[in-house]
PDB file of N, CA and C in Angstrom:
ATOM      1  N   MET A   1       0.846  -1.166   0.000  1.00  0.00           N
ATOM      2  CA  MET A   1       0.000   0.000   0.000  1.00  0.00           C
ATOM      3  C   MET A   1       0.904   1.246   0.000  1.00  0.00           C
ATOM      4  N   ARG A   2       0.600   2.177  -0.865  1.00  0.00           N
ATOM      5  CA  ARG A   2       1.363   3.421  -0.938  1.00  0.00           C
ATOM      6  C   ARG A   2       0.709   4.455  -0.031  1.00  0.00           C
ATOM      7  N   ILE A   3       1.502   5.056   0.850  1.00  0.00           N
ATOM      8  CA  ILE A   3       1.007   6.056   1.795  1.00  0.00           C
ATOM      9  C   ILE A   3       1.503   7.421   1.331  1.00  0.00           C
ATOM     10  N   LYS A   4       0.585   8.382   1.230  1.00  0.00           N
ATOM     11  CA  LYS A   4       0.940   9.747   0.854  1.00  0.00           C
ATOM     12  C   LYS A   4       0.530  10.667   1.995  1.00  0.00           C
ATOM     13  N   PHE A   5       1.462  11.502   2.449  1.00  0.00           N
ATOM     14  CA  PHE A   5       1.227  12.351   3.610  1.00  0.00           C
ATOM     15  C   PHE A   5       1.745  13.754   3.327  1.00  0.00           C
ATOM     16  N   ARG A   6       0.936  14.766   3.622  1.00  0.00           N
ATOM     17  CA  ARG A   6       1.353  16.164   3.447  1.00  0.00           C
ATOM     18  C   ARG A   6       0.958  16.938   4.696  1.00  0.00           C
ATOM     19  N   MET A   7       1.842  17.819   5.170  1.00  0.00           N
ATOM     20  CA  MET A   7       1.522  18.659   6.325  1.00  0.00           C
ATOM     21  C   MET A   7       2.180  20.011   6.172  1.00  0.00           C
ATOM     22  N   ARG A   8       1.616  20.981   6.849  1.00  0.00           N
ATOM     23  CA  ARG A   8       2.172  22.330   6.897  1.00  0.00           C
ATOM     24  C   ARG A   8       2.314  22.748   8.348  1.00  0.00           C
ATOM     25  N   ILE A   9       3.444  23.400   8.642  1.00  0.00           N
ATOM     26  CA  ILE A   9       3.677  23.912   9.985  1.00  0.00           C
ATOM     27  C   ILE A   9       4.332  25.289   9.861  1.00  0.00           C
ATOM     28  N   PRO A  10       4.156  26.141  10.867  1.00  0.00           N
ATOM     29  CA  PRO A  10       4.775  27.467  10.827  1.00  0.00           C
ATOM     30  C   PRO A  10       6.295  27.366  10.820  1.00  0.00           C
ATOM     31  N   GLY A  11       6.930  28.296  10.151  1.00  0.00           N
ATOM     32  CA  GLY A  11       8.385  28.309  10.123  1.00  0.00           C
ATOM     33  C   GLY A  11       8.896  29.501   9.355  1.00  0.00           C
ATOM     34  N   ASN A  12      10.191  29.517   9.151  1.00  0.00           N
ATOM     35  CA  ASN A  12      10.794  30.568   8.349  1.00  0.00           C
ATOM     36  C   ASN A  12      11.813  29.945   7.406  1.00  0.00           C
ATOM     37  N   GLU A  13      12.388  30.780   6.544  1.00  0.00           N
ATOM     38  CA  GLU A  13      13.271  30.251   5.516  1.00  0.00           C
ATOM     39  C   GLU A  13      14.534  29.608   6.088  1.00  0.00           C
ATOM     40  N   VAL A  14      15.036  30.127   7.180  1.00  0.00           N
ATOM     41  CA  VAL A  14      16.236  29.550   7.801  1.00  0.00           C
ATOM     42  C   VAL A  14      15.955  28.116   8.261  1.00  0.00           C
ATOM     43  N   VAL A  15      14.812  27.930   8.910  1.00  0.00           N
ATOM     44  CA  VAL A  15      14.435  26.590   9.366  1.00  0.00           C
ATOM     45  C   VAL A  15      14.197  25.681   8.163  1.00  0.00           C
ATOM     46  N   TYR A  16      13.519  26.201   7.138  1.00  0.00           N
ATOM     47  CA  TYR A  16      13.266  25.409   5.929  1.00  0.00           C
ATOM     48  C   TYR A  16      14.573  24.882   5.335  1.00  0.00           C
ATOM     49  N   ARG A  17      15.562  25.768   5.194  1.00  0.00           N
ATOM     50  CA  ARG A  17      16.840  25.348   4.615  1.00  0.00           C
ATOM     51  C   ARG A  17      17.531  24.291   5.474  1.00  0.00           C
ATOM     52  N   SER A  18      17.366  24.382   6.783  1.00  0.00           N
ATOM     53  CA  SER A  18      18.010  23.400   7.662  1.00  0.00           C
ATOM     54  C   SER A  18      17.311  22.046   7.615  1.00  0.00           C
ATOM     55  N   LEU A  19      16.075  22.003   7.136  1.00  0.00           N
ATOM     56  CA  LEU A  19      15.308  20.758   7.103  1.00  0.00           C
ATOM     57  C   LEU A  19      15.275  20.096   5.733  1.00  0.00           C
ATOM     58  N   LYS A  20      15.964  20.664   4.762  1.00  0.00           N
ATOM     59  CA  LYS A  20      15.980  20.052   3.430  1.00  0.00           C
ATOM     60  C   LYS A  20      16.568  18.651   3.520  1.00  0.00           C
ATOM     61  N   VAL A  21      15.953  17.736   2.816  1.00  0.00           N
ATOM     62  CA  VAL A  21      16.390  16.338   2.821  1.00  0.00           C
ATOM     63  C   VAL A  21      17.374  16.134   1.678  1.00  0.00           C
ATOM     64  N   ASP A  22      18.517  15.527   1.974  1.00  0.00           N
ATOM     65  CA  ASP A  22      19.525  15.355   0.928  1.00  0.00           C
ATOM     66  C   ASP A  22      19.794  13.907   0.554  1.00  0.00           C
ATOM     67  N   ASP A  23      19.305  12.969   1.318  1.00  0.00           N
ATOM     68  CA  ASP A  23      19.573  11.561   1.033  1.00  0.00           C
ATOM     69  C   ASP A  23      18.300  10.755   1.285  1.00  0.00           C
ATOM     70  N   VAL A  24      17.738  10.162   0.220  1.00  0.00           N
ATOM     71  CA  VAL A  24      16.480   9.440   0.337  1.00  0.00           C
ATOM     72  C   VAL A  24      16.648   8.036  -0.224  1.00  0.00           C
ATOM     73  N   ASP A  25      16.148   7.053   0.516  1.00  0.00           N
ATOM     74  CA  ASP A  25      16.197   5.665   0.055  1.00  0.00           C
ATOM     75  C   ASP A  25      15.276   5.463  -1.140  1.00  0.00           C
ATOM     76  N   GLU A  26      15.591   4.463  -1.936  1.00  0.00           N
ATOM     77  CA  GLU A  26      14.763   4.129  -3.093  1.00  0.00           C
ATOM     78  C   GLU A  26      13.348   3.758  -2.633  1.00  0.00           C
ATOM     79  N   GLY A  27      12.343   4.250  -3.330  1.00  0.00           N
ATOM     80  CA  GLY A  27      10.955   3.965  -2.979  1.00  0.00           C
ATOM     81  C   GLY A  27      10.363   4.963  -2.003  1.00  0.00           C
ATOM     82  N   LEU A  28      11.190   5.838  -1.473  1.00  0.00           N
ATOM     83  CA  LEU A  28      10.736   6.843  -0.514  1.00  0.00           C
ATOM     84  C   LEU A  28      10.829   8.215  -1.174  1.00  0.00           C
ATOM     85  N   VAL A  29       9.753   8.992  -1.089  1.00  0.00           N
ATOM     86  CA  VAL A  29       9.737  10.346  -1.644  1.00  0.00           C
ATOM     87  C   VAL A  29       9.560  11.310  -0.480  1.00  0.00           C
ATOM     88  N   ILE A  30      10.485  12.250  -0.354  1.00  0.00           N
ATOM     89  CA  ILE A  30      10.383  13.292   0.676  1.00  0.00           C
ATOM     90  C   ILE A  30      10.663  14.621  -0.005  1.00  0.00           C
ATOM     91  N   LYS A  31       9.676  15.518   0.047  1.00  0.00           N
ATOM     92  CA  LYS A  31       9.843  16.846  -0.547  1.00  0.00           C
ATOM     93  C   LYS A  31       9.522  17.893   0.502  1.00  0.00           C
ATOM     94  N   THR A  32      10.332  18.919   0.551  1.00  0.00           N
ATOM     95  CA  THR A  32      10.077  20.027   1.460  1.00  0.00           C
ATOM     96  C   THR A  32       9.947  21.298   0.639  1.00  0.00           C
ATOM     97  N   SER A  33       9.130  22.207   1.112  1.00  0.00           N
ATOM     98  CA  SER A  33       8.998  23.503   0.448  1.00  0.00           C
ATOM     99  C   SER A  33       8.670  24.554   1.497  1.00  0.00           C
ATOM    100  N   TYR A  34       8.773  25.812   1.074  1.00  0.00           N
ATOM    101  CA  TYR A  34       8.522  26.930   1.982  1.00  0.00           C
ATOM    102  C   TYR A  34       7.653  27.959   1.284  1.00  0.00           C
ATOM    103  N   GLU A  35       6.567  28.338   1.925  1.00  0.00           N
ATOM    104  CA  GLU A  35       5.662  29.352   1.405  1.00  0.00           C
ATOM    105  C   GLU A  35       5.963  30.665   2.134  1.00  0.00           C
ATOM    106  N   ARG A  36       6.733  31.519   1.491  1.00  0.00           N
ATOM    107  CA  ARG A  36       7.260  32.731   2.119  1.00  0.00           C
ATOM    108  C   ARG A  36       6.156  33.663   2.615  1.00  0.00           C
ATOM    109  N   GLU A  37       5.102  33.893   1.804  1.00  0.00           N
ATOM    110  CA  GLU A  37       4.039  34.833   2.184  1.00  0.00           C
ATOM    111  C   GLU A  37       3.313  34.388   3.462  1.00  0.00           C
ATOM    112  N   LYS A  38       3.111  33.090   3.587  1.00  0.00           N
ATOM    113  CA  LYS A  38       2.379  32.560   4.745  1.00  0.00           C
ATOM    114  C   LYS A  38       3.308  32.080   5.857  1.00  0.00           C
ATOM    115  N   LYS A  39       4.622  32.098   5.582  1.00  0.00           N
ATOM    116  CA  LYS A  39       5.622  31.605   6.536  1.00  0.00           C
ATOM    117  C   LYS A  39       5.288  30.193   7.012  1.00  0.00           C
ATOM    118  N   MET A  40       5.069  29.309   6.016  1.00  0.00           N
ATOM    119  CA  MET A  40       4.708  27.920   6.305  1.00  0.00           C
ATOM    120  C   MET A  40       5.689  26.970   5.632  1.00  0.00           C
ATOM    121  N   LEU A  41       6.107  25.974   6.378  1.00  0.00           N
ATOM    122  CA  LEU A  41       6.911  24.879   5.839  1.00  0.00           C
ATOM    123  C   LEU A  41       5.957  23.785   5.393  1.00  0.00           C
ATOM    124  N   GLU A  42       6.281  23.126   4.291  1.00  0.00           N
ATOM    125  CA  GLU A  42       5.451  22.009   3.854  1.00  0.00           C
ATOM    126  C   GLU A  42       6.328  20.781   3.682  1.00  0.00           C
ATOM    127  N   LEU A  43       5.834  19.678   4.172  1.00  0.00           N
ATOM    128  CA  LEU A  43       6.516  18.390   4.045  1.00  0.00           C
ATOM    129  C   LEU A  43       5.586  17.443   3.312  1.00  0.00           C
ATOM    130  N   TYR A  44       6.098  16.773   2.293  1.00  0.00           N
ATOM    131  CA  TYR A  44       5.333  15.770   1.555  1.00  0.00           C
ATOM    132  C   TYR A  44       6.135  14.479   1.567  1.00  0.00           C
ATOM    133  N   VAL A  45       5.477  13.394   1.949  1.00  0.00           N
ATOM    134  CA  VAL A  45       6.143  12.087   2.039  1.00  0.00           C
ATOM    135  C   VAL A  45       5.298  11.043   1.329  1.00  0.00           C
ATOM    136  N   GLU A  46       5.955  10.210   0.527  1.00  0.00           N
ATOM    137  CA  GLU A  46       5.336   9.016  -0.057  1.00  0.00           C
ATOM    138  C   GLU A  46       6.194   7.831   0.340  1.00  0.00           C
ATOM    139  N   THR A  47       5.554   6.799   0.860  1.00  0.00           N
ATOM    140  CA  THR A  47       6.295   5.626   1.298  1.00  0.00           C
ATOM    141  C   THR A  47       5.395   4.396   1.230  1.00  0.00           C
ATOM    142  N   ASP A  48       5.988   3.241   1.397  1.00  0.00           N
ATOM    143  CA  ASP A  48       5.235   1.994   1.357  1.00  0.00           C
ATOM    144  C   ASP A  48       4.899   1.448   2.743  1.00  0.00           C
ATOM    145  N   SER A  49       5.357   2.137   3.811  1.00  0.00           N
ATOM    146  CA  SER A  49       5.079   1.587   5.140  1.00  0.00           C
ATOM    147  C   SER A  49       4.841   2.688   6.167  1.00  0.00           C
ATOM    148  N   LEU A  50       4.017   2.379   7.139  1.00  0.00           N
ATOM    149  CA  LEU A  50       3.769   3.315   8.232  1.00  0.00           C
ATOM    150  C   LEU A  50       5.024   3.533   9.073  1.00  0.00           C
ATOM    151  N   GLY A  51       5.818   2.482   9.226  1.00  0.00           N
ATOM    152  CA  GLY A  51       7.058   2.599   9.994  1.00  0.00           C
ATOM    153  C   GLY A  51       8.006   3.603   9.376  1.00  0.00           C
ATOM    154  N   SER A  52       8.102   3.586   8.064  1.00  0.00           N
ATOM    155  CA  SER A  52       8.952   4.536   7.361  1.00  0.00           C
ATOM    156  C   SER A  52       8.431   5.961   7.535  1.00  0.00           C
ATOM    157  N   LEU A  53       7.122   6.145   7.420  1.00  0.00           N
ATOM    158  CA  LEU A  53       6.523   7.462   7.631  1.00  0.00           C
ATOM    159  C   LEU A  53       6.777   7.944   9.057  1.00  0.00           C
ATOM    160  N   LYS A  54       6.625   7.053  10.013  1.00  0.00           N
ATOM    161  CA  LYS A  54       6.879   7.405  11.415  1.00  0.00           C
ATOM    162  C   LYS A  54       8.319   7.868  11.605  1.00  0.00           C
ATOM    163  N   ASN A  55       9.265   7.166  11.010  1.00  0.00           N
ATOM    164  CA  ASN A  55      10.672   7.543  11.134  1.00  0.00           C
ATOM    165  C   ASN A  55      10.956   8.896  10.499  1.00  0.00           C
ATOM    166  N   VAL A  56      10.373   9.140   9.335  1.00  0.00           N
ATOM    167  CA  VAL A  56      10.570  10.431   8.666  1.00  0.00           C
ATOM    168  C   VAL A  56      10.027  11.555   9.536  1.00  0.00           C
ATOM    169  N   LEU A  57       8.809  11.390  10.045  1.00  0.00           N
ATOM    170  CA  LEU A  57       8.189  12.440  10.868  1.00  0.00           C
ATOM    171  C   LEU A  57       8.955  12.654  12.167  1.00  0.00           C
ATOM    172  N   GLU A  58       9.397  11.574  12.770  1.00  0.00           N
ATOM    173  CA  GLU A  58      10.165  11.681  14.010  1.00  0.00           C
ATOM    174  C   GLU A  58      11.449  12.485  13.781  1.00  0.00           C
ATOM    175  N   ASP A  59      12.180  12.154  12.726  1.00  0.00           N
ATOM    176  CA  ASP A  59      13.413  12.886  12.410  1.00  0.00           C
ATOM    177  C   ASP A  59      13.119  14.336  12.059  1.00  0.00           C
ATOM    178  N   TYR A  60      12.059  14.564  11.286  1.00  0.00           N
ATOM    179  CA  TYR A  60      11.708  15.918  10.863  1.00  0.00           C
ATOM    180  C   TYR A  60      11.403  16.800  12.072  1.00  0.00           C
ATOM    181  N   PHE A  61      10.588  16.290  13.004  1.00  0.00           N
ATOM    182  CA  PHE A  61      10.233  17.103  14.168  1.00  0.00           C
ATOM    183  C   PHE A  61      11.400  17.307  15.126  1.00  0.00           C
ATOM    184  N   LYS A  62      12.257  16.312  15.262  1.00  0.00           N
ATOM    185  CA  LYS A  62      13.460  16.503  16.090  1.00  0.00           C
ATOM    186  C   LYS A  62      14.302  17.637  15.512  1.00  0.00           C
ATOM    187  N   ASN A  63      14.525  17.608  14.201  1.00  0.00           N
ATOM    188  CA  ASN A  63      15.332  18.635  13.553  1.00  0.00           C
ATOM    189  C   ASN A  63      14.625  19.993  13.557  1.00  0.00           C
ATOM    190  N   TYR A  64      13.315  20.003  13.409  1.00  0.00           N
ATOM    191  CA  TYR A  64      12.531  21.238  13.456  1.00  0.00           C
ATOM    192  C   TYR A  64      12.677  21.905  14.829  1.00  0.00           C
ATOM    193  N   GLU A  65      12.469  21.126  15.876  1.00  0.00           N
ATOM    194  CA  GLU A  65      12.577  21.669  17.233  1.00  0.00           C
ATOM    195  C   GLU A  65      13.994  22.137  17.531  1.00  0.00           C
ATOM    196  N   MET A  66      14.989  21.383  17.097  1.00  0.00           N
ATOM    197  CA  MET A  66      16.377  21.776  17.326  1.00  0.00           C
ATOM    198  C   MET A  66      16.706  23.051  16.567  1.00  0.00           C
ATOM    199  N   SER A  67      16.221  23.192  15.344  1.00  0.00           N
ATOM    200  CA  SER A  67      16.452  24.414  14.565  1.00  0.00           C
ATOM    201  C   SER A  67      15.868  25.629  15.274  1.00  0.00           C
ATOM    202  N   LEU A  68      14.671  25.485  15.814  1.00  0.00           N
ATOM    203  CA  LEU A  68      14.048  26.598  16.529  1.00  0.00           C
ATOM    204  C   LEU A  68      14.839  26.968  17.778  1.00  0.00           C
ATOM    205  N   LYS A  69      15.340  25.972  18.499  1.00  0.00           N
ATOM    206  CA  LYS A  69      16.138  26.237  19.697  1.00  0.00           C
ATOM    207  C   LYS A  69      17.451  26.941  19.349  1.00  0.00           C
ATOM    208  N   ILE A  70      18.093  26.503  18.282  1.00  0.00           N
ATOM    209  CA  ILE A  70      19.350  27.121  17.855  1.00  0.00           C
ATOM    210  C   ILE A  70      19.113  28.570  17.447  1.00  0.00           C
ATOM    211  N   LEU A  71      18.033  28.817  16.700  1.00  0.00           N
ATOM    212  CA  LEU A  71      17.702  30.195  16.310  1.00  0.00           C
ATOM    213  C   LEU A  71      17.478  31.076  17.531  1.00  0.00           C
ATOM    214  N   GLU A  72      16.817  30.529  18.526  1.00  0.00           N
ATOM    215  CA  GLU A  72      16.567  31.279  19.761  1.00  0.00           C
ATOM    216  C   GLU A  72      17.878  31.643  20.447  1.00  0.00           C
ATOM    217  N   ILE A  73      18.784  30.683  20.519  1.00  0.00           N
ATOM    218  CA  ILE A  73      20.088  30.926  21.141  1.00  0.00           C
ATOM    219  C   ILE A  73      20.852  31.994  20.372  1.00  0.00           C
ATOM    220  N   VAL A  74      20.850  31.901  19.062  1.00  0.00           N
ATOM    221  CA  VAL A  74      21.568  32.861  18.227  1.00  0.00           C
ATOM    222  C   VAL A  74      20.970  34.259  18.385  1.00  0.00           C
ATOM    223  N   ARG A  75      19.658  34.346  18.365  1.00  0.00           N
ATOM    224  CA  ARG A  75      18.995  35.650  18.477  1.00  0.00           C
ATOM    225  C   ARG A  75      19.216  36.301  19.837  1.00  0.00           C
ATOM    226  N   GLU A  76      19.268  35.501  20.875  1.00  0.00           N
ATOM    227  CA  GLU A  76      19.482  36.042  22.215  1.00  0.00           C
ATOM    228  C   GLU A  76      20.945  36.377  22.449  1.00  0.00           C
ATOM    229  N   GLY A  77      21.809  35.839  21.634  1.00  0.00           N
ATOM    230  CA  GLY A  77      23.241  36.047  21.822  1.00  0.00           C
ATOM    231  C   GLY A  77      23.746  35.080  22.873  1.00  0.00           C
ATOM    232  N   TYR A  78      24.523  34.122  22.449  1.00  0.00           N
ATOM    233  CA  TYR A  78      25.025  33.100  23.368  1.00  0.00           C
ATOM    234  C   TYR A  78      25.904  33.732  24.424  1.00  0.00           C
ATOM    235  N   LYS A  79      25.589  33.492  25.683  1.00  0.00           N
ATOM    236  CA  LYS A  79      26.344  34.053  26.801  1.00  0.00           C
ATOM    237  C   LYS A  79      26.943  32.953  27.673  1.00  0.00           C
ATOM    238  N   GLY A  80      27.212  31.839  27.020  1.00  0.00           N
ATOM    239  CA  GLY A  80      27.730  30.685  27.752  1.00  0.00           C
ATOM    240  C   GLY A  80      29.225  30.738  27.965  1.00  0.00           C
ATOM    241  N   ASP A  81      29.808  29.618  28.103  1.00  0.00           N
ATOM    242  CA  ASP A  81      31.236  29.457  28.394  1.00  0.00           C
ATOM    243  C   ASP A  81      32.086  29.912  27.218  1.00  0.00           C
ATOM    244  N   ILE A  82      32.872  30.945  27.396  1.00  0.00           N
ATOM    245  CA  ILE A  82      33.790  31.418  26.344  1.00  0.00           C
ATOM    246  C   ILE A  82      35.198  31.079  26.790  1.00  0.00           C
ATOM    247  N   ARG A  83      35.871  30.269  26.031  1.00  0.00           N
ATOM    248  CA  ARG A  83      37.208  29.824  26.424  1.00  0.00           C
ATOM    249  C   ARG A  83      38.257  30.469  25.592  1.00  0.00           C
TER     250      ARG A  83
END
């Protein structure tokens, strides 16, 4: 069974660029795009298994959350340990 999944979440171009997929297994389709006017990230996935979709979404959200945290740190100006 072929599974097709599309979602949109808020974001910006910096986060979009950090989430671009560069290595995809055969039979798996992952496309990302960014709608600048609406500031929305879009993820489209086609796969043959729910497990594969789960793994893609899990990785995507981990990287999405990490990108947002890094942007926050950069914007606030890192005041941590300077050696």
